[in-house]
Amino acid sequence: MLDRAERGERGETIVITRGSKRLAVLAPAPGAAGRAVKDALLRQVGTLDDAFEDDVTATRDLLTLDDPWSD
């Protein structure tokens, strides 16, 4: 299995089946989007209003990070 996972590093996609039923697809992970978001924001420097940082902070404050496994 690990040998096949290494093939994924080269861009190959592996379909895992049992009989003729597809159980899973092992594929290369997509690239991180964080850099793309940062680049998009940097292209907008000077065009965003002064309240943008406050809007982002207020939005982040609305997020909750609940542990789905806790009781």
N, C-alpha and C. Protein backbone atom coordinates (compact mmCIF):
# COMPACT_ATOMS: atom_id res chain seq x y z
N MET A 1 0.82 -1.19 0.00
CA MET A 1 0.00 0.00 0.00
C MET A 1 0.87 1.26 0.00
N LEU A 2 1.92 1.27 0.79
CA LEU A 2 2.78 2.45 0.83
C LEU A 2 3.48 2.68 -0.50
N ASP A 3 3.83 1.58 -1.18
CA ASP A 3 4.44 1.74 -2.50
C ASP A 3 3.48 2.46 -3.45
N ARG A 4 2.21 2.11 -3.36
CA ARG A 4 1.22 2.77 -4.21
C ARG A 4 1.00 4.21 -3.78
N ALA A 5 1.07 4.46 -2.48
CA ALA A 5 0.92 5.84 -2.00
C ALA A 5 2.05 6.71 -2.54
N GLU A 6 3.23 6.15 -2.65
CA GLU A 6 4.35 6.91 -3.21
C GLU A 6 4.09 7.28 -4.66
N ARG A 7 3.33 6.45 -5.37
CA ARG A 7 2.97 6.79 -6.75
C ARG A 7 2.10 8.04 -6.77
N GLY A 8 1.33 8.24 -5.71
CA GLY A 8 0.51 9.44 -5.59
C GLY A 8 1.35 10.69 -5.53
N GLU A 9 2.55 10.57 -5.00
CA GLU A 9 3.45 11.72 -4.95
C GLU A 9 3.83 12.17 -6.36
N ARG A 10 3.75 11.25 -7.30
CA ARG A 10 4.08 11.57 -8.69
C ARG A 10 2.85 12.02 -9.47
N GLY A 11 1.73 12.20 -8.77
CA GLY A 11 0.53 12.70 -9.42
C GLY A 11 -0.47 11.64 -9.83
N GLU A 12 -0.20 10.38 -9.53
CA GLU A 12 -1.13 9.32 -9.91
C GLU A 12 -2.30 9.25 -8.93
N THR A 13 -3.46 8.86 -9.43
CA THR A 13 -4.64 8.63 -8.61
C THR A 13 -4.88 7.13 -8.56
N ILE A 14 -5.14 6.61 -7.38
CA ILE A 14 -5.35 5.18 -7.18
C ILE A 14 -6.77 4.97 -6.66
N VAL A 15 -7.54 4.10 -7.31
CA VAL A 15 -8.89 3.77 -6.88
C VAL A 15 -8.83 2.45 -6.12
N ILE A 16 -9.33 2.47 -4.90
CA ILE A 16 -9.34 1.27 -4.07
C ILE A 16 -10.72 0.64 -4.17
N THR A 17 -10.75 -0.63 -4.57
CA THR A 17 -12.02 -1.32 -4.76
C THR A 17 -12.06 -2.62 -3.98
N ARG A 18 -13.27 -3.10 -3.75
CA ARG A 18 -13.50 -4.44 -3.22
C ARG A 18 -14.51 -5.05 -4.16
N GLY A 19 -14.10 -6.09 -4.86
CA GLY A 19 -14.95 -6.62 -5.92
C GLY A 19 -15.02 -5.57 -7.01
N SER A 20 -16.19 -5.13 -7.35
CA SER A 20 -16.32 -4.08 -8.35
C SER A 20 -16.80 -2.76 -7.73
N LYS A 21 -16.85 -2.71 -6.40
CA LYS A 21 -17.34 -1.52 -5.71
C LYS A 21 -16.18 -0.61 -5.33
N ARG A 22 -16.28 0.66 -5.72
CA ARG A 22 -15.27 1.65 -5.35
C ARG A 22 -15.41 1.98 -3.87
N LEU A 23 -14.32 1.85 -3.13
CA LEU A 23 -14.34 2.16 -1.71
C LEU A 23 -13.71 3.52 -1.40
N ALA A 24 -12.65 3.84 -2.12
CA ALA A 24 -11.93 5.08 -1.83
C ALA A 24 -11.08 5.46 -3.04
N VAL A 25 -10.68 6.72 -3.06
CA VAL A 25 -9.77 7.22 -4.07
C VAL A 25 -8.60 7.86 -3.34
N LEU A 26 -7.41 7.41 -3.67
CA LEU A 26 -6.19 7.97 -3.12
C LEU A 26 -5.57 8.83 -4.20
N ALA A 27 -5.50 10.13 -3.92
CA ALA A 27 -5.01 11.07 -4.93
C ALA A 27 -4.10 12.10 -4.26
N PRO A 28 -3.29 12.76 -5.05
CA PRO A 28 -2.44 13.80 -4.48
C PRO A 28 -3.29 14.89 -3.81
N ALA A 29 -2.82 15.39 -2.70
CA ALA A 29 -3.53 16.46 -2.00
C ALA A 29 -3.49 17.73 -2.84
N PRO A 30 -4.59 18.47 -2.84
CA PRO A 30 -4.57 19.74 -3.58
C PRO A 30 -3.62 20.73 -2.92
N GLY A 31 -3.17 21.67 -3.69
CA GLY A 31 -2.29 22.70 -3.15
C GLY A 31 -3.00 23.54 -2.11
N ALA A 32 -2.25 24.07 -1.18
CA ALA A 32 -2.84 24.89 -0.12
C ALA A 32 -3.40 26.18 -0.71
N ALA A 33 -4.56 26.58 -0.24
CA ALA A 33 -5.21 27.79 -0.75
C ALA A 33 -4.76 29.04 -0.01
N GLY A 34 -4.10 28.88 1.13
CA GLY A 34 -3.70 30.04 1.92
C GLY A 34 -2.84 31.02 1.14
N ARG A 35 -1.91 30.50 0.38
CA ARG A 35 -1.03 31.37 -0.40
C ARG A 35 -1.82 32.11 -1.47
N ALA A 36 -2.78 31.43 -2.10
CA ALA A 36 -3.59 32.07 -3.13
C ALA A 36 -4.42 33.20 -2.55
N VAL A 37 -4.97 33.00 -1.36
CA VAL A 37 -5.75 34.05 -0.70
C VAL A 37 -4.86 35.23 -0.37
N LYS A 38 -3.70 34.95 0.19
CA LYS A 38 -2.76 36.03 0.53
C LYS A 38 -2.37 36.82 -0.72
N ASP A 39 -2.07 36.12 -1.80
CA ASP A 39 -1.70 36.80 -3.04
C ASP A 39 -2.85 37.68 -3.57
N ALA A 40 -4.07 37.16 -3.48
CA ALA A 40 -5.23 37.93 -3.95
C ALA A 40 -5.40 39.20 -3.12
N LEU A 41 -5.22 39.08 -1.82
CA LEU A 41 -5.34 40.26 -0.96
C LEU A 41 -4.23 41.26 -1.23
N LEU A 42 -3.02 40.76 -1.46
CA LEU A 42 -1.91 41.67 -1.73
C LEU A 42 -2.12 42.45 -3.03
N ARG A 43 -2.80 41.82 -4.00
CA ARG A 43 -3.10 42.54 -5.25
C ARG A 43 -4.09 43.68 -5.02
N GLN A 44 -4.83 43.61 -3.91
CA GLN A 44 -5.85 44.62 -3.62
C GLN A 44 -5.35 45.72 -2.69
N VAL A 45 -4.08 45.67 -2.30
CA VAL A 45 -3.54 46.68 -1.39
C VAL A 45 -3.80 48.06 -1.97
N GLY A 46 -4.34 48.91 -1.14
CA GLY A 46 -4.66 50.26 -1.58
C GLY A 46 -6.08 50.41 -2.08
N THR A 47 -6.77 49.29 -2.33
CA THR A 47 -8.14 49.37 -2.83
C THR A 47 -9.15 48.96 -1.77
N LEU A 48 -8.67 48.42 -0.64
CA LEU A 48 -9.58 48.00 0.43
C LEU A 48 -9.83 49.18 1.37
N ASP A 49 -11.05 49.27 1.89
CA ASP A 49 -11.34 50.39 2.79
C ASP A 49 -10.72 50.15 4.17
N ASP A 50 -10.71 51.20 4.97
CA ASP A 50 -10.07 51.14 6.29
C ASP A 50 -10.75 50.18 7.24
N ALA A 51 -12.00 49.87 7.03
CA ALA A 51 -12.74 48.99 7.93
C ALA A 51 -12.55 47.50 7.60
N PHE A 52 -11.79 47.20 6.57
CA PHE A 52 -11.64 45.80 6.15
C PHE A 52 -11.06 44.94 7.28
N GLU A 53 -10.01 45.41 7.94
CA GLU A 53 -9.41 44.62 9.03
C GLU A 53 -10.42 44.38 10.14
N ASP A 54 -11.21 45.39 10.47
CA ASP A 54 -12.24 45.23 11.50
C ASP A 54 -13.28 44.19 11.06
N ASP A 55 -13.64 44.20 9.78
CA ASP A 55 -14.60 43.22 9.27
C ASP A 55 -14.05 41.80 9.37
N VAL A 56 -12.78 41.62 9.03
CA VAL A 56 -12.16 40.30 9.11
C VAL A 56 -12.10 39.84 10.57
N THR A 57 -11.71 40.73 11.46
CA THR A 57 -11.64 40.38 12.89
C THR A 57 -13.01 40.00 13.42
N ALA A 58 -14.03 40.77 13.08
CA ALA A 58 -15.39 40.47 13.54
C ALA A 58 -15.86 39.12 13.01
N THR A 59 -15.51 38.80 11.77
CA THR A 59 -15.89 37.52 11.19
C THR A 59 -15.19 36.38 11.90
N ARG A 60 -13.89 36.54 12.17
CA ARG A 60 -13.14 35.49 12.87
C ARG A 60 -13.70 35.26 14.27
N ASP A 61 -14.18 36.32 14.92
CA ASP A 61 -14.73 36.18 16.26
C ASP A 61 -16.02 35.36 16.26
N LEU A 62 -16.68 35.26 15.12
CA LEU A 62 -17.91 34.47 15.01
C LEU A 62 -17.64 32.97 14.91
N LEU A 63 -16.42 32.61 14.54
CA LEU A 63 -16.07 31.20 14.37
C LEU A 63 -15.97 30.51 15.71
N THR A 64 -16.41 29.26 15.74
CA THR A 64 -16.24 28.44 16.94
C THR A 64 -15.45 27.20 16.56
N LEU A 65 -14.61 26.78 17.45
CA LEU A 65 -13.79 25.59 17.21
C LEU A 65 -14.19 24.52 18.23
N ASP A 66 -15.37 23.96 18.02
CA ASP A 66 -15.86 22.91 18.91
C ASP A 66 -15.20 21.59 18.57
N ASP A 67 -14.90 20.82 19.60
CA ASP A 67 -14.35 19.49 19.43
C ASP A 67 -15.50 18.51 19.21
N PRO A 68 -15.64 17.96 18.00
CA PRO A 68 -16.77 17.07 17.74
C PRO A 68 -16.71 15.75 18.51
N TRP A 69 -15.57 15.45 19.10
CA TRP A 69 -15.40 14.17 19.78
C TRP A 69 -15.61 14.30 21.29
N SER A 70 -15.77 15.51 21.79
CA SER A 70 -15.97 15.66 23.24
C SER A 70 -17.43 15.39 23.59
N ASP A 71 -17.65 15.03 24.82
CA ASP A 71 -19.03 14.76 25.28
C ASP A 71 -19.66 15.98 25.87
